[in-house]
């Protein structure tokens, strides 16, 4: 049950209405912050992710003594204070270098968390690619390749796919302008090898590598109706291995996935409206067995009496078929 806060004045009432649940939700805002120890590679990666999400993102520069998997109360406080439902926390340690933790909240409470371990050797920042940058606020195309994302059982890769979609989604719209498709985000998961399947699941090095690439989409003339599409790497280039995860609570997840009932009328089966505006309904009935039909209990409707009547009718029919001379002889 969600808590109810009564506004004290008109200003707080407008703020509560802005944060209230809606049938069509506002785009999620991401808050990017760092821990007390954060390597330069992790800071560059957070800066590049902030640049791709710049319209719907906030970034903190100060150090924050936060340990998400030990005590996430500070992250819940930052989420409520800044009205952000997505948080990216960067930290570095000897055991977990270049770590980026994705956190999702619901009703300003922690819903789920997942750690991404960045490979510092293969990382390339956005500034290292000398290409034309996409405009701020552009929505990307997203491609997920790999059997790990198609698992019917929820795991770290399905959670990573859901989190990355929430991060890059932006505003929801029912129409798309083809000219606005300027860049594409491709996320690929390597296929697990035989040696990786024999190792323990707690070891991050045993899991397949998650590769994130960003490409610029260019359309050129092809001499046909459809243009020729070319991709040019835009940056950043990131390789991840998935680490610790905190799965969402079943009750909170059910509450978060609930959709508002809209005023649209449901489509009713077998009901149509003709040209004159009259409503016409169609009823489908099965085969009726009239022998089991319940009637009035009268002596004349009994089965035995019906059989005697049938015998008398058959006798009269035979008599009528005989010639008149034979009928007179019998009489």
C-alpha atoms as a PDB file:
ATOM      1  CA  UNK A   1       0.000   0.000   0.000  1.00  0.00           C
ATOM      2  CA  UNK A   2       1.448   3.344  -1.064  1.00  0.00           C
ATOM      3  CA  UNK A   3       1.676   6.084   1.516  1.00  0.00           C
ATOM      4  CA  UNK A   4      -0.553   9.149   1.202  1.00  0.00           C
ATOM      5  CA  UNK A   5       0.880  12.622   1.841  1.00  0.00           C
ATOM      6  CA  UNK A   6      -1.484  15.541   2.387  1.00  0.00           C
ATOM      7  CA  UNK A   7      -0.211  18.835   0.905  1.00  0.00           C
ATOM      8  CA  UNK A   8       0.056  21.807   3.254  1.00  0.00           C
ATOM      9  CA  UNK A   9      -0.155  24.528   0.615  1.00  0.00           C
ATOM     10  CA  UNK A  10      -0.729  25.041  -3.102  1.00  0.00           C
ATOM     11  CA  UNK A  11       2.961  24.770  -3.942  1.00  0.00           C
ATOM     12  CA  UNK A  12       3.360  21.377  -2.288  1.00  0.00           C
ATOM     13  CA  UNK A  13       0.093  20.259  -3.903  1.00  0.00           C
ATOM     14  CA  UNK A  14       1.475  21.061  -7.378  1.00  0.00           C
ATOM     15  CA  UNK A  15       4.705  19.221  -6.547  1.00  0.00           C
ATOM     16  CA  UNK A  16       2.784  16.139  -5.407  1.00  0.00           C
ATOM     17  CA  UNK A  17       0.599  16.192  -8.528  1.00  0.00           C
ATOM     18  CA  UNK A  18       3.748  16.339 -10.657  1.00  0.00           C
ATOM     19  CA  UNK A  19       5.125  13.238  -8.928  1.00  0.00           C
ATOM     20  CA  UNK A  20       1.810  11.380  -8.779  1.00  0.00           C
ATOM     21  CA  UNK A  21       1.327   8.217 -10.878  1.00  0.00           C
ATOM     22  CA  UNK A  22       0.053   8.833 -14.402  1.00  0.00           C
ATOM     23  CA  UNK A  23      -1.497   6.686 -17.109  1.00  0.00           C
ATOM     24  CA  UNK A  24       1.389   7.702 -19.397  1.00  0.00           C
ATOM     25  CA  UNK A  25       4.467   8.120 -17.243  1.00  0.00           C
ATOM     26  CA  UNK A  26       7.094  10.793 -17.731  1.00  0.00           C
ATOM     27  CA  UNK A  27      10.495   9.646 -19.041  1.00  0.00           C
ATOM     28  CA  UNK A  28      12.671   8.279 -16.257  1.00  0.00           C
ATOM     29  CA  UNK A  29      15.369  10.582 -14.947  1.00  0.00           C
ATOM     30  CA  UNK A  30      18.766   9.044 -14.214  1.00  0.00           C
ATOM     31  CA  UNK A  31      21.005  10.211 -11.375  1.00  0.00           C
ATOM     32  CA  UNK A  32      24.738   9.569 -11.859  1.00  0.00           C
ATOM     33  CA  UNK A  33      26.986   9.712  -8.803  1.00  0.00           C
ATOM     34  CA  UNK A  34      30.315   8.323  -7.606  1.00  0.00           C
ATOM     35  CA  UNK A  35      31.666   6.731  -4.438  1.00  0.00           C
ATOM     36  CA  UNK A  36      34.584   7.693  -2.243  1.00  0.00           C
ATOM     37  CA  UNK A  37      37.000   5.698  -4.425  1.00  0.00           C
ATOM     38  CA  UNK A  38      36.310   5.895  -8.150  1.00  0.00           C
ATOM     39  CA  UNK A  39      38.926   5.396 -10.860  1.00  0.00           C
ATOM     40  CA  UNK A  40      39.352   7.805 -13.751  1.00  0.00           C
ATOM     41  CA  UNK A  41      38.188   5.154 -16.206  1.00  0.00           C
ATOM     42  CA  UNK A  42      34.920   4.748 -14.285  1.00  0.00           C
ATOM     43  CA  UNK A  43      34.457   8.520 -14.148  1.00  0.00           C
ATOM     44  CA  UNK A  44      34.964   8.788 -17.931  1.00  0.00           C
ATOM     45  CA  UNK A  45      32.453   5.992 -18.509  1.00  0.00           C
ATOM     46  CA  UNK A  46      29.876   7.725 -16.290  1.00  0.00           C
ATOM     47  CA  UNK A  47      30.488  11.005 -18.141  1.00  0.00           C
ATOM     48  CA  UNK A  48      29.895   9.320 -21.512  1.00  0.00           C
ATOM     49  CA  UNK A  49      26.667   7.692 -20.302  1.00  0.00           C
ATOM     50  CA  UNK A  50      25.566  11.067 -18.973  1.00  0.00           C
ATOM     51  CA  UNK A  51      26.266  12.648 -22.388  1.00  0.00           C
ATOM     52  CA  UNK A  52      24.033  10.093 -24.117  1.00  0.00           C
ATOM     53  CA  UNK A  53      21.234  10.660 -21.593  1.00  0.00           C
ATOM     54  CA  UNK A  54      21.843  14.354 -20.986  1.00  0.00           C
ATOM     55  CA  UNK A  55      18.264  15.653 -21.230  1.00  0.00           C
ATOM     56  CA  UNK A  56      16.858  13.236 -18.645  1.00  0.00           C
ATOM     57  CA  UNK A  57      19.874  12.889 -16.355  1.00  0.00           C
ATOM     58  CA  UNK A  58      21.552  14.534 -13.386  1.00  0.00           C
ATOM     59  CA  UNK A  59      25.168  14.152 -12.316  1.00  0.00           C
ATOM     60  CA  UNK A  60      26.865  14.612  -8.945  1.00  0.00           C
ATOM     61  CA  UNK A  61      30.582  15.411  -8.824  1.00  0.00           C
ATOM     62  CA  UNK A  62      31.182  15.021  -5.082  1.00  0.00           C
ATOM     63  CA  UNK A  63      32.203  11.787  -3.377  1.00  0.00           C
ATOM     64  CA  UNK A  64      29.510   9.826  -1.558  1.00  0.00           C
ATOM     65  CA  UNK A  65      30.306   7.172   1.078  1.00  0.00           C
ATOM     66  CA  UNK A  66      27.711   4.693  -0.215  1.00  0.00           C
ATOM     67  CA  UNK A  67      27.810   0.887  -0.414  1.00  0.00           C
ATOM     68  CA  UNK A  68      24.721  -0.117  -2.397  1.00  0.00           C
ATOM     69  CA  UNK A  69      24.618  -3.838  -1.536  1.00  0.00           C
ATOM     70  CA  UNK A  70      25.271  -3.217   2.165  1.00  0.00           C
ATOM     71  CA  UNK A  71      23.097  -0.169   2.846  1.00  0.00           C
ATOM     72  CA  UNK A  72      21.066   1.416   0.035  1.00  0.00           C
ATOM     73  CA  UNK A  73      19.166   3.907   2.200  1.00  0.00           C
ATOM     74  CA  UNK A  74      21.326   6.788   0.893  1.00  0.00           C
ATOM     75  CA  UNK A  75      20.434   5.910  -2.703  1.00  0.00           C
ATOM     76  CA  UNK A  76      16.725   5.845  -1.813  1.00  0.00           C
ATOM     77  CA  UNK A  77      17.138   9.288  -0.228  1.00  0.00           C
ATOM     78  CA  UNK A  78      18.860  10.658  -3.360  1.00  0.00           C
ATOM     79  CA  UNK A  79      16.095   9.160  -5.512  1.00  0.00           C
ATOM     80  CA  UNK A  80      13.333  10.903  -3.555  1.00  0.00           C
ATOM     81  CA  UNK A  81      15.235  14.182  -3.185  1.00  0.00           C
ATOM     82  CA  UNK A  82      15.964  14.495  -6.924  1.00  0.00           C
ATOM     83  CA  UNK A  83      12.864  12.664  -8.251  1.00  0.00           C
ATOM     84  CA  UNK A  84      14.973  10.069 -10.095  1.00  0.00           C
ATOM     85  CA  UNK A  85      13.948   6.470 -10.609  1.00  0.00           C
ATOM     86  CA  UNK A  86      17.274   5.378 -12.172  1.00  0.00           C
ATOM     87  CA  UNK A  87      20.651   5.636 -10.437  1.00  0.00           C
ATOM     88  CA  UNK A  88      24.148   4.864 -11.711  1.00  0.00           C
ATOM     89  CA  UNK A  89      26.754   4.528  -8.959  1.00  0.00           C
ATOM     90  CA  UNK A  90      30.430   4.312  -9.891  1.00  0.00           C
ATOM     91  CA  UNK A  91      33.061   2.913  -7.555  1.00  0.00           C
ATOM     92  CA  UNK A  92      36.421   1.143  -7.621  1.00  0.00           C
ATOM     93  CA  UNK A  93      38.133  -1.266  -5.245  1.00  0.00           C
ATOM     94  CA  UNK A  94      40.864  -3.866  -5.353  1.00  0.00           C
ATOM     95  CA  UNK A  95      38.344  -6.697  -5.613  1.00  0.00           C
ATOM     96  CA  UNK A  96      35.917  -4.896  -7.945  1.00  0.00           C
ATOM     97  CA  UNK A  97      37.749  -2.328 -10.111  1.00  0.00           C
ATOM     98  CA  UNK A  98      35.780  -0.073 -12.473  1.00  0.00           C
ATOM     99  CA  UNK A  99      32.346  -1.026 -11.139  1.00  0.00           C
ATOM    100  CA  UNK A 100      29.105   0.673 -12.240  1.00  0.00           C
ATOM    101  CA  UNK A 101      25.960  -0.272 -10.302  1.00  0.00           C
ATOM    102  CA  UNK A 102      22.584   0.228 -11.990  1.00  0.00           C
ATOM    103  CA  UNK A 103      19.782   0.830  -9.478  1.00  0.00           C
ATOM    104  CA  UNK A 104      16.041   1.119 -10.145  1.00  0.00           C
ATOM    105  CA  UNK A 105      13.533   2.446  -7.631  1.00  0.00           C
ATOM    106  CA  UNK A 106       9.775   2.337  -7.235  1.00  0.00           C
ATOM    107  CA  UNK A 107       7.942   4.752  -4.939  1.00  0.00           C
ATOM    108  CA  UNK A 108      11.436   5.957  -3.930  1.00  0.00           C
ATOM    109  CA  UNK A 109      12.331   2.497  -2.625  1.00  0.00           C
ATOM    110  CA  UNK A 110      15.020   0.232  -4.054  1.00  0.00           C
ATOM    111  CA  UNK A 111      13.484  -2.156  -6.588  1.00  0.00           C
ATOM    112  CA  UNK A 112      16.520  -4.013  -7.997  1.00  0.00           C
ATOM    113  CA  UNK A 113      20.273  -3.569  -8.501  1.00  0.00           C
ATOM    114  CA  UNK A 114      22.910  -4.988 -10.830  1.00  0.00           C
ATOM    115  CA  UNK A 115      26.669  -4.499 -11.026  1.00  0.00           C
ATOM    116  CA  UNK A 116      28.513  -3.960 -14.311  1.00  0.00           C
ATOM    117  CA  UNK A 117      32.283  -4.553 -14.173  1.00  0.00           C
ATOM    118  CA  UNK A 118      33.920  -2.405 -16.858  1.00  0.00           C
ATOM    119  CA  UNK A 119      36.988  -3.674 -18.681  1.00  0.00           C
ATOM    120  CA  UNK A 120      39.500  -0.824 -18.456  1.00  0.00           C
ATOM    121  CA  UNK A 121      41.787  -2.173 -21.213  1.00  0.00           C
ATOM    122  CA  UNK A 122      39.165  -2.236 -23.973  1.00  0.00           C
ATOM    123  CA  UNK A 123      37.301   0.905 -22.890  1.00  0.00           C
ATOM    124  CA  UNK A 124      37.255   3.787 -25.367  1.00  0.00           C
ATOM    125  CA  UNK A 125      35.663   7.069 -24.374  1.00  0.00           C
ATOM    126  CA  UNK A 126      33.393   9.252 -26.452  1.00  0.00           C
ATOM    127  CA  UNK A 127      36.146  11.820 -27.047  1.00  0.00           C
ATOM    128  CA  UNK A 128      38.429   9.246 -28.685  1.00  0.00           C
ATOM    129  CA  UNK A 129      36.074   8.866 -31.666  1.00  0.00           C
ATOM    130  CA  UNK A 130      36.490  11.797 -34.067  1.00  0.00           C
ATOM    131  CA  UNK A 131      33.035  11.609 -35.595  1.00  0.00           C
ATOM    132  CA  UNK A 132      30.038  13.890 -35.749  1.00  0.00           C
ATOM    133  CA  UNK A 133      28.135  13.684 -32.470  1.00  0.00           C
ATOM    134  CA  UNK A 134      24.402  13.112 -32.369  1.00  0.00           C
ATOM    135  CA  UNK A 135      22.155  15.949 -31.142  1.00  0.00           C
ATOM    136  CA  UNK A 136      21.194  16.028 -27.480  1.00  0.00           C
ATOM    137  CA  UNK A 137      17.903  14.292 -26.682  1.00  0.00           C
ATOM    138  CA  UNK A 138      17.890  11.986 -29.706  1.00  0.00           C
ATOM    139  CA  UNK A 139      16.360   8.572 -29.100  1.00  0.00           C
ATOM    140  CA  UNK A 140      18.419   5.590 -30.306  1.00  0.00           C
ATOM    141  CA  UNK A 141      17.626   2.289 -31.923  1.00  0.00           C
ATOM    142  CA  UNK A 142      18.490  -0.663 -29.657  1.00  0.00           C
ATOM    143  CA  UNK A 143      19.672  -4.119 -30.704  1.00  0.00           C
ATOM    144  CA  UNK A 144      20.297  -7.030 -28.307  1.00  0.00           C
ATOM    145  CA  UNK A 145      22.162  -9.996 -29.793  1.00  0.00           C
ATOM    146  CA  UNK A 146      22.876 -13.236 -27.955  1.00  0.00           C
ATOM    147  CA  UNK A 147      21.059 -16.235 -26.554  1.00  0.00           C
ATOM    148  CA  UNK A 148      21.707 -15.037 -22.997  1.00  0.00           C
ATOM    149  CA  UNK A 149      19.073 -12.311 -23.416  1.00  0.00           C
ATOM    150  CA  UNK A 150      16.432 -14.844 -24.544  1.00  0.00           C
ATOM    151  CA  UNK A 151      16.383 -16.916 -21.360  1.00  0.00           C
ATOM    152  CA  UNK A 152      12.812 -17.750 -20.202  1.00  0.00           C
ATOM    153  CA  UNK A 153      14.035 -17.698 -16.583  1.00  0.00           C
ATOM    154  CA  UNK A 154      14.922 -14.235 -15.192  1.00  0.00           C
ATOM    155  CA  UNK A 155      18.672 -13.892 -14.695  1.00  0.00           C
ATOM    156  CA  UNK A 156      21.378 -11.231 -14.715  1.00  0.00           C
ATOM    157  CA  UNK A 157      21.331 -10.842 -18.510  1.00  0.00           C
ATOM    158  CA  UNK A 158      17.553 -10.359 -18.733  1.00  0.00           C
ATOM    159  CA  UNK A 159      17.808  -7.792 -15.922  1.00  0.00           C
ATOM    160  CA  UNK A 160      20.675  -6.047 -17.732  1.00  0.00           C
ATOM    161  CA  UNK A 161      18.575  -5.877 -20.908  1.00  0.00           C
ATOM    162  CA  UNK A 162      15.641  -4.364 -19.004  1.00  0.00           C
ATOM    163  CA  UNK A 163      17.860  -1.800 -17.263  1.00  0.00           C
ATOM    164  CA  UNK A 164      19.614  -0.702 -20.447  1.00  0.00           C
ATOM    165  CA  UNK A 165      16.261  -0.286 -22.218  1.00  0.00           C
ATOM    166  CA  UNK A 166      15.013   1.880 -19.345  1.00  0.00           C
ATOM    167  CA  UNK A 167      18.202   3.948 -19.469  1.00  0.00           C
ATOM    168  CA  UNK A 168      18.174   4.676 -23.220  1.00  0.00           C
ATOM    169  CA  UNK A 169      14.400   4.724 -23.797  1.00  0.00           C
ATOM    170  CA  UNK A 170      13.585   8.405 -23.379  1.00  0.00           C
ATOM    171  CA  UNK A 171      10.141   9.771 -24.099  1.00  0.00           C
ATOM    172  CA  UNK A 172       7.406   7.392 -25.268  1.00  0.00           C
ATOM    173  CA  UNK A 173       5.744   8.314 -28.571  1.00  0.00           C
ATOM    174  CA  UNK A 174       3.427   6.553 -31.018  1.00  0.00           C
ATOM    175  CA  UNK A 175       5.009   8.110 -34.130  1.00  0.00           C
ATOM    176  CA  UNK A 176       8.625   7.997 -35.299  1.00  0.00           C
ATOM    177  CA  UNK A 177      10.326  10.278 -37.795  1.00  0.00           C
ATOM    178  CA  UNK A 178      12.842   8.335 -39.860  1.00  0.00           C
ATOM    179  CA  UNK A 179      15.097  11.406 -40.067  1.00  0.00           C
ATOM    180  CA  UNK A 180      15.334  11.364 -36.268  1.00  0.00           C
ATOM    181  CA  UNK A 181      16.963   7.917 -36.172  1.00  0.00           C
ATOM    182  CA  UNK A 182      20.525   9.158 -35.878  1.00  0.00           C
ATOM    183  CA  UNK A 183      22.335   6.476 -33.852  1.00  0.00           C
ATOM    184  CA  UNK A 184      22.018   2.864 -32.739  1.00  0.00           C
ATOM    185  CA  UNK A 185      23.004   1.113 -29.490  1.00  0.00           C
ATOM    186  CA  UNK A 186      24.079  -2.505 -29.994  1.00  0.00           C
ATOM    187  CA  UNK A 187      24.486  -4.792 -26.979  1.00  0.00           C
ATOM    188  CA  UNK A 188      26.023  -8.212 -27.655  1.00  0.00           C
ATOM    189  CA  UNK A 189      26.474 -11.103 -25.235  1.00  0.00           C
ATOM    190  CA  UNK A 190      29.150 -13.669 -26.026  1.00  0.00           C
ATOM    191  CA  UNK A 191      28.158 -17.314 -26.196  1.00  0.00           C
ATOM    192  CA  UNK A 192      29.274 -19.273 -23.098  1.00  0.00           C
ATOM    193  CA  UNK A 193      32.049 -21.808 -23.713  1.00  0.00           C
ATOM    194  CA  UNK A 194      32.475 -25.230 -22.143  1.00  0.00           C
ATOM    195  CA  UNK A 195      35.102 -23.967 -19.692  1.00  0.00           C
ATOM    196  CA  UNK A 196      32.819 -21.134 -18.563  1.00  0.00           C
ATOM    197  CA  UNK A 197      29.937 -23.481 -17.827  1.00  0.00           C
ATOM    198  CA  UNK A 198      32.087 -25.633 -15.519  1.00  0.00           C
ATOM    199  CA  UNK A 199      33.194 -22.711 -13.334  1.00  0.00           C
ATOM    200  CA  UNK A 200      31.199 -21.327 -10.451  1.00  0.00           C
ATOM    201  CA  UNK A 201      28.385 -18.888 -11.093  1.00  0.00           C
ATOM    202  CA  UNK A 202      29.638 -16.482  -8.389  1.00  0.00           C
ATOM    203  CA  UNK A 203      32.835 -15.785 -10.334  1.00  0.00           C
ATOM    204  CA  UNK A 204      32.183 -12.808 -12.687  1.00  0.00           C
ATOM    205  CA  UNK A 205      34.984 -13.944 -15.017  1.00  0.00           C
ATOM    206  CA  UNK A 206      33.002 -17.128 -15.721  1.00  0.00           C
ATOM    207  CA  UNK A 207      30.082 -15.208 -17.251  1.00  0.00           C
ATOM    208  CA  UNK A 208      29.893 -14.132 -20.907  1.00  0.00           C
ATOM    209  CA  UNK A 209      31.170 -10.675 -21.817  1.00  0.00           C
ATOM    210  CA  UNK A 210      28.608  -7.948 -22.463  1.00  0.00           C
ATOM    211  CA  UNK A 211      29.722  -5.616 -25.260  1.00  0.00           C
ATOM    212  CA  UNK A 212      28.102  -2.198 -25.682  1.00  0.00           C
ATOM    213  CA  UNK A 213      28.691  -0.326 -28.933  1.00  0.00           C
ATOM    214  CA  UNK A 214      27.179   2.900 -30.252  1.00  0.00           C
ATOM    215  CA  UNK A 215      26.992   3.590 -34.003  1.00  0.00           C
ATOM    216  CA  UNK A 216      25.955   6.603 -36.042  1.00  0.00           C
ATOM    217  CA  UNK A 217      23.380   5.881 -38.764  1.00  0.00           C
ATOM    218  CA  UNK A 218      24.066   7.428 -42.163  1.00  0.00           C
ATOM    219  CA  UNK A 219      21.737   7.137 -45.159  1.00  0.00           C
ATOM    220  CA  UNK A 220      23.055   7.602 -48.684  1.00  0.00           C
ATOM    221  CA  UNK A 221      21.608   7.371 -52.149  1.00  0.00           C
ATOM    222  CA  UNK A 222      21.391   3.876 -53.563  1.00  0.00           C
ATOM    223  CA  UNK A 223      19.607   4.469 -56.890  1.00  0.00           C
ATOM    224  CA  UNK A 224      16.570   2.619 -55.540  1.00  0.00           C
ATOM    225  CA  UNK A 225      13.534   3.469 -53.460  1.00  0.00           C
ATOM    226  CA  UNK A 226      15.211   2.501 -50.197  1.00  0.00           C
ATOM    227  CA  UNK A 227      18.419   4.341 -49.205  1.00  0.00           C
ATOM    228  CA  UNK A 228      21.699   2.650 -48.431  1.00  0.00           C
ATOM    229  CA  UNK A 229      22.385   2.571 -44.686  1.00  0.00           C
ATOM    230  CA  UNK A 230      25.897   2.758 -43.264  1.00  0.00           C
ATOM    231  CA  UNK A 231      27.051   2.532 -39.648  1.00  0.00           C
ATOM    232  CA  UNK A 232      30.002   4.411 -38.194  1.00  0.00           C
ATOM    233  CA  UNK A 233      31.165   3.843 -34.629  1.00  0.00           C
ATOM    234  CA  UNK A 234      30.234   6.808 -32.481  1.00  0.00           C
ATOM    235  CA  UNK A 235      31.436   5.787 -29.030  1.00  0.00           C
ATOM    236  CA  UNK A 236      31.724   4.978 -26.241  1.00  0.00           C
ATOM    237  CA  UNK A 237      32.989   1.394 -26.467  1.00  0.00           C
ATOM    238  CA  UNK A 238      32.429  -0.630 -23.302  1.00  0.00           C
ATOM    239  CA  UNK A 239      32.881  -4.279 -22.346  1.00  0.00           C
ATOM    240  CA  UNK A 240      31.209  -5.470 -19.159  1.00  0.00           C
ATOM    241  CA  UNK A 241      31.026  -8.542 -17.001  1.00  0.00           C
ATOM    242  CA  UNK A 242      27.989  -8.836 -14.770  1.00  0.00           C
ATOM    243  CA  UNK A 243      28.539  -9.095 -11.027  1.00  0.00           C
ATOM    244  CA  UNK A 244      26.291  -9.000  -7.988  1.00  0.00           C
ATOM    245  CA  UNK A 245      22.551  -8.537  -8.379  1.00  0.00           C
ATOM    246  CA  UNK A 246      19.581  -7.893  -6.130  1.00  0.00           C
ATOM    247  CA  UNK A 247      16.322  -9.246  -7.527  1.00  0.00           C
ATOM    248  CA  UNK A 248      13.100  -7.268  -7.015  1.00  0.00           C
ATOM    249  CA  UNK A 249      10.578  -8.216  -4.367  1.00  0.00           C
ATOM    250  CA  UNK A 250       7.587 -10.052  -5.859  1.00  0.00           C
ATOM    251  CA  UNK A 251       4.977  -7.769  -4.262  1.00  0.00           C
ATOM    252  CA  UNK A 252       6.803  -4.560  -5.175  1.00  0.00           C
ATOM    253  CA  UNK A 253       7.391  -5.776  -8.738  1.00  0.00           C
ATOM    254  CA  UNK A 254       3.685  -6.578  -9.132  1.00  0.00           C
ATOM    255  CA  UNK A 255       2.790  -3.099  -7.867  1.00  0.00           C
ATOM    256  CA  UNK A 256       5.333  -1.490 -10.214  1.00  0.00           C
ATOM    257  CA  UNK A 257       4.031  -3.397 -13.254  1.00  0.00           C
ATOM    258  CA  UNK A 258       0.400  -2.481 -12.657  1.00  0.00           C
ATOM    259  CA  UNK A 259      -1.168  -0.434 -15.453  1.00  0.00           C
ATOM    260  CA  UNK A 260      -3.853   2.183 -14.971  1.00  0.00           C
ATOM    261  CA  UNK A 261      -7.341   1.470 -16.255  1.00  0.00           C
ATOM    262  CA  UNK A 262      -8.048   3.898 -19.057  1.00  0.00           C
ATOM    263  CA  UNK A 263     -11.471   5.150 -20.120  1.00  0.00           C
ATOM    264  CA  UNK A 264     -11.362   3.329 -23.423  1.00  0.00           C
ATOM    265  CA  UNK A 265     -14.217   0.900 -23.949  1.00  0.00           C
ATOM    266  CA  UNK A 266     -13.277  -2.738 -24.318  1.00  0.00           C
ATOM    267  CA  UNK A 267     -13.942  -4.455 -27.618  1.00  0.00           C
ATOM    268  CA  UNK A 268     -16.866  -6.834 -27.201  1.00  0.00           C
ATOM    269  CA  UNK A 269     -17.044 -10.032 -29.217  1.00  0.00           C
ATOM    270  CA  UNK A 270     -19.914 -10.727 -31.626  1.00  0.00           C
ATOM    271  CA  UNK A 271     -21.334  -7.213 -31.243  1.00  0.00           C
ATOM    272  CA  UNK A 272     -21.458  -4.952 -34.275  1.00  0.00           C
ATOM    273  CA  UNK A 273     -23.072  -1.692 -35.316  1.00  0.00           C
ATOM    274  CA  UNK A 274     -24.751  -1.416 -38.705  1.00  0.00           C
ATOM    275  CA  UNK A 275     -24.926   1.593 -41.015  1.00  0.00           C
ATOM    276  CA  UNK A 276     -28.019   2.968 -39.261  1.00  0.00           C
ATOM    277  CA  UNK A 277     -26.274   2.893 -35.882  1.00  0.00           C
ATOM    278  CA  UNK A 278     -28.227  -0.070 -34.518  1.00  0.00           C
ATOM    279  CA  UNK A 279     -26.368  -2.539 -32.358  1.00  0.00           C
ATOM    280  CA  UNK A 280     -26.475  -6.120 -33.641  1.00  0.00           C
ATOM    281  CA  UNK A 281     -25.465  -9.084 -31.522  1.00  0.00           C
ATOM    282  CA  UNK A 282     -24.693 -12.622 -32.600  1.00  0.00           C
ATOM    283  CA  UNK A 283     -25.400 -15.581 -30.310  1.00  0.00           C
ATOM    284  CA  UNK A 284     -23.779 -18.968 -30.867  1.00  0.00           C
ATOM    285  CA  UNK A 285     -25.757 -21.923 -29.476  1.00  0.00           C
ATOM    286  CA  UNK A 286     -24.814 -25.566 -29.512  1.00  0.00           C
ATOM    287  CA  UNK A 287     -26.862 -28.521 -30.810  1.00  0.00           C
ATOM    288  CA  UNK A 288     -30.071 -28.925 -28.805  1.00  0.00           C
ATOM    289  CA  UNK A 289     -31.365 -32.361 -27.694  1.00  0.00           C
ATOM    290  CA  UNK A 290     -35.180 -32.056 -27.762  1.00  0.00           C
ATOM    291  CA  UNK A 291     -35.654 -35.498 -26.234  1.00  0.00           C
ATOM    292  CA  UNK A 292     -34.556 -34.131 -22.864  1.00  0.00           C
ATOM    293  CA  UNK A 293     -36.860 -31.109 -23.101  1.00  0.00           C
ATOM    294  CA  UNK A 294     -38.887 -30.641 -19.903  1.00  0.00           C
ATOM    295  CA  UNK A 295     -42.658 -30.434 -20.611  1.00  0.00           C
ATOM    296  CA  UNK A 296     -45.843 -30.539 -18.530  1.00  0.00           C
ATOM    297  CA  UNK A 297     -46.428 -33.865 -16.828  1.00  0.00           C
ATOM    298  CA  UNK A 298     -49.761 -34.958 -18.429  1.00  0.00           C
ATOM    299  CA  UNK A 299     -51.118 -38.444 -19.003  1.00  0.00           C
ATOM    300  CA  UNK A 300     -51.549 -37.671 -22.668  1.00  0.00           C
ATOM    301  CA  UNK A 301     -47.857 -36.913 -23.053  1.00  0.00           C
ATOM    302  CA  UNK A 302     -46.597 -40.104 -21.488  1.00  0.00           C
ATOM    303  CA  UNK A 303     -44.338 -42.341 -23.572  1.00  0.00           C
ATOM    304  CA  UNK A 304     -46.549 -45.522 -23.231  1.00  0.00           C
ATOM    305  CA  UNK A 305     -49.633 -43.757 -24.546  1.00  0.00           C
ATOM    306  CA  UNK A 306     -47.663 -42.417 -27.464  1.00  0.00           C
ATOM    307  CA  UNK A 307     -46.604 -45.948 -28.409  1.00  0.00           C
ATOM    308  CA  UNK A 308     -50.274 -47.190 -28.402  1.00  0.00           C
ATOM    309  CA  UNK A 309     -51.269 -44.286 -30.607  1.00  0.00           C
ATOM    310  CA  UNK A 310     -48.493 -45.152 -33.023  1.00  0.00           C
ATOM    311  CA  UNK A 311     -49.702 -48.792 -33.230  1.00  0.00           C
ATOM    312  CA  UNK A 312     -53.324 -47.726 -33.915  1.00  0.00           C
ATOM    313  CA  UNK A 313     -52.196 -45.304 -36.604  1.00  0.00           C
ATOM    314  CA  UNK A 314     -50.132 -48.045 -38.274  1.00  0.00           C
ATOM    315  CA  UNK A 315     -53.156 -50.435 -38.263  1.00  0.00           C
ATOM    316  CA  UNK A 316     -55.461 -47.870 -39.850  1.00  0.00           C
ATOM    317  CA  UNK A 317     -52.837 -47.141 -42.474  1.00  0.00           C
ATOM    318  CA  UNK A 318     -52.659 -50.830 -43.432  1.00  0.00           C
ATOM    319  CA  UNK A 319     -56.423 -51.020 -43.689  1.00  0.00           C
ATOM    320  CA  UNK A 320     -56.639 -48.077 -45.989  1.00  0.00           C
ATOM    321  CA  UNK A 321     -54.125 -49.665 -48.330  1.00  0.00           C
ATOM    322  CA  UNK A 322     -56.346 -52.807 -48.889  1.00  0.00           C
ATOM    323  CA  UNK A 323     -58.829 -52.850 -51.802  1.00  0.00           C
ATOM    324  CA  UNK A 324     -62.484 -52.163 -51.121  1.00  0.00           C
ATOM    325  CA  UNK A 325     -63.580 -55.812 -51.939  1.00  0.00           C
ATOM    326  CA  UNK A 326     -61.141 -57.296 -49.370  1.00  0.00           C
ATOM    327  CA  UNK A 327     -62.306 -54.781 -46.768  1.00  0.00           C
ATOM    328  CA  UNK A 328     -65.964 -55.744 -47.357  1.00  0.00           C
ATOM    329  CA  UNK A 329     -65.054 -59.487 -47.128  1.00  0.00           C
ATOM    330  CA  UNK A 330     -63.296 -58.950 -43.834  1.00  0.00           C
ATOM    331  CA  UNK A 331     -66.280 -57.004 -42.535  1.00  0.00           C
END
